[in-house]
Amino acid sequence: MINVIVATHGPLAEALVASGRMVYGELPHVYPVTLREDAGIEGFKEAFAQTLADAGKNADGVLVLCDMQSGTPWNVACHHAFSPQTRPPVAVVAGVNFPMLLQSEEICHLTDVHAAAVELLALTVPTLIKAAPVLSVQSDDF
C-alpha cells in the first residue's frame, strides 16, 4: 500500500485534502503537511519528518506530492527520498493539483512507490486541458 503526503507552501495542502474529502469522503491514505511562515523551514522539516513517520507506518512506500519543484517542500521531501536510511521508500512528484490528489486513490493499492509515481503522472497529465467550445452536436451516449 502506498500512502501519500501532500506538501505545499501555505495552507494549499490542507485545502486540497479538505476538498478531496468533499468528493471522495475520507482519504485515509493522504497526509497534508504545510510550510507555514510562522514555523519557517526548520519547523517544516520537523513537521515533514513526523508526517513521513505517520504515513510510513504499515506502508510499502510514501509518495510525496509537492506544489512545485525546487521549493522547500520539494527539497525536504527529496532529502528523505534520496537518503538510504529512509524506510519505507519515498518518491517525490511536483505539480500537485486536485485531479492528481483524487487520482491518488487509483494507485494507493500498489506496492512499488516509484511505479505508483509514474502511474499517477500518466493518470494526471490527460486532466490538464484547455477549454474549447464544442462545435458539433454530441450524442447522449458516452
Protein backbone atom coordinates (compact mmCIF):
# COMPACT_ATOMS: atom_id res chain seq x y z
CA MET A 1 0.00 0.00 0.00
CA ILE A 2 1.18 3.47 -0.92
CA ASN A 3 0.38 6.41 1.33
CA VAL A 4 0.51 9.97 0.04
CA ILE A 5 1.83 13.17 1.58
CA VAL A 6 0.71 16.48 0.08
CA ALA A 7 3.45 19.02 0.87
CA THR A 8 2.94 22.67 -0.04
CA HIS A 9 3.70 26.28 0.74
CA GLY A 10 0.94 27.74 2.92
CA PRO A 11 -2.43 26.06 3.51
CA LEU A 12 -2.76 24.61 -0.03
CA ALA A 13 -2.17 21.01 1.12
CA GLU A 14 -4.84 21.18 3.80
CA ALA A 15 -7.27 22.85 1.35
CA LEU A 16 -6.66 20.18 -1.31
CA VAL A 17 -7.23 17.37 1.19
CA ALA A 18 -10.37 19.06 2.57
CA SER A 19 -11.69 19.48 -0.99
CA GLY A 20 -10.82 15.86 -1.78
CA ARG A 21 -12.87 14.73 1.21
CA MET A 22 -15.86 16.64 -0.25
CA VAL A 23 -15.63 14.46 -3.37
CA TYR A 24 -14.40 11.08 -2.05
CA GLY A 25 -15.17 11.17 1.65
CA GLU A 26 -12.32 10.21 3.91
CA LEU A 27 -8.88 9.87 2.34
CA PRO A 28 -7.11 7.74 4.94
CA HIS A 29 -4.03 7.30 2.75
CA VAL A 30 -3.41 11.06 2.40
CA TYR A 31 -1.48 13.25 4.86
CA PRO A 32 -1.13 17.04 4.40
CA VAL A 33 1.91 19.00 5.60
CA THR A 34 2.43 22.71 5.04
CA LEU A 35 5.27 25.20 5.14
CA ARG A 36 3.98 27.99 7.38
CA GLU A 37 5.58 31.40 7.68
CA ASP A 38 5.45 31.30 11.48
CA ALA A 39 7.23 27.92 11.70
CA GLY A 40 9.79 28.54 8.95
CA ILE A 41 11.96 25.99 7.20
CA GLU A 42 13.14 24.27 10.41
CA GLY A 43 9.54 23.91 11.58
CA PHE A 44 8.61 22.44 8.22
CA LYS A 45 11.47 19.93 8.41
CA GLU A 46 10.20 18.73 11.80
CA ALA A 47 6.56 18.61 10.64
CA PHE A 48 7.53 16.74 7.46
CA ALA A 49 9.59 14.16 9.37
CA GLN A 50 6.67 13.50 11.74
CA THR A 51 4.19 13.28 8.85
CA LEU A 52 6.50 10.91 6.98
CA ALA A 53 6.77 8.71 10.10
CA ASP A 54 2.97 8.62 10.36
CA ALA A 55 2.44 7.99 6.63
CA GLY A 56 5.16 5.33 6.55
CA LYS A 57 3.59 3.12 9.21
CA ASN A 58 2.42 -0.13 7.60
CA ALA A 59 3.03 1.30 4.10
CA ASP A 60 5.10 -0.15 1.26
CA GLY A 61 6.04 3.37 0.19
CA VAL A 62 5.19 7.03 0.55
CA LEU A 63 4.53 9.24 -2.46
CA VAL A 64 5.05 12.95 -1.78
CA LEU A 65 3.07 15.34 -3.97
CA CYS A 66 4.68 18.79 -3.80
CA ASP A 67 3.30 22.06 -5.11
CA MET A 68 6.40 22.88 -7.16
CA GLN A 69 9.89 21.70 -7.93
CA SER A 70 12.79 23.23 -6.00
CA GLY A 71 10.75 24.84 -3.23
CA THR A 72 11.28 23.97 0.43
CA PRO A 73 8.65 21.16 0.47
CA TRP A 74 10.31 19.60 -2.60
CA ASN A 75 13.83 19.97 -1.18
CA VAL A 76 12.89 18.46 2.18
CA ALA A 77 10.96 15.60 0.55
CA CYS A 78 13.87 14.85 -1.80
CA HIS A 79 16.27 14.83 1.15
CA HIS A 80 14.25 11.98 2.65
CA ALA A 81 13.62 10.26 -0.71
CA PHE A 82 17.34 10.11 -1.56
CA SER A 83 18.52 9.08 1.90
CA PRO A 84 19.44 5.37 2.08
CA GLN A 85 18.14 5.32 5.67
CA THR A 86 14.59 6.30 4.72
CA ARG A 87 12.10 3.44 5.13
CA PRO A 88 9.72 2.79 3.52
CA PRO A 89 10.93 4.14 0.16
CA VAL A 90 9.79 7.63 -0.84
CA ALA A 91 9.13 9.06 -4.32
CA VAL A 92 8.53 12.77 -4.96
CA VAL A 93 6.40 14.41 -7.66
CA ALA A 94 5.95 18.15 -8.27
CA GLY A 95 2.84 19.92 -9.54
CA VAL A 96 0.16 18.58 -7.22
CA ASN A 97 -3.34 19.56 -8.25
CA PHE A 98 -6.87 18.46 -7.43
CA PRO A 99 -7.19 15.76 -10.13
CA MET A 100 -3.79 14.36 -9.09
CA LEU A 101 -4.91 14.13 -5.48
CA LEU A 102 -8.17 12.42 -6.47
CA GLN A 103 -6.33 10.04 -8.83
CA SER A 104 -4.05 9.01 -5.95
CA GLU A 105 -6.90 6.75 -4.86
CA GLU A 106 -6.18 4.70 -8.01
CA ILE A 107 -2.56 3.99 -7.11
CA CYS A 108 -2.68 3.50 -3.34
CA HIS A 109 -3.07 -0.29 -3.72
CA LEU A 110 0.35 -0.57 -5.43
CA THR A 111 3.46 -1.65 -3.54
CA ASP A 112 6.24 0.00 -5.61
CA VAL A 113 6.21 3.72 -4.85
CA HIS A 114 8.25 4.63 -7.92
CA ALA A 115 5.86 2.71 -10.21
CA ALA A 116 2.99 4.42 -8.37
CA ALA A 117 4.52 7.83 -9.12
CA VAL A 118 4.81 7.01 -12.82
CA GLU A 119 1.24 5.68 -12.91
CA LEU A 120 -0.13 8.75 -11.12
CA LEU A 121 1.58 11.08 -13.60
CA ALA A 122 0.14 9.06 -16.51
CA LEU A 123 -3.34 9.35 -14.98
CA THR A 124 -3.00 13.08 -14.28
CA VAL A 125 -1.49 14.52 -17.48
CA PRO A 126 -4.72 13.98 -19.51
CA THR A 127 -6.61 16.09 -16.93
CA LEU A 128 -4.61 19.17 -17.93
CA ILE A 129 -6.56 20.63 -20.84
CA LYS A 130 -7.55 23.98 -22.29
CA ALA A 131 -11.29 24.55 -22.58
CA ALA A 132 -12.68 24.89 -26.09
CA PRO A 133 -16.24 25.30 -27.35
CA VAL A 134 -17.93 22.16 -28.62
CA LEU A 135 -18.52 22.64 -32.36
CA SER A 136 -20.59 19.54 -33.06
CA VAL A 137 -23.67 18.02 -31.51
CA GLN A 138 -22.69 15.35 -29.07
CA SER A 139 -24.56 12.13 -28.57
CA ASP A 140 -26.14 11.44 -25.21
CA ASP A 141 -24.31 8.08 -25.31
CA PHE A 142 -20.90 8.24 -23.76
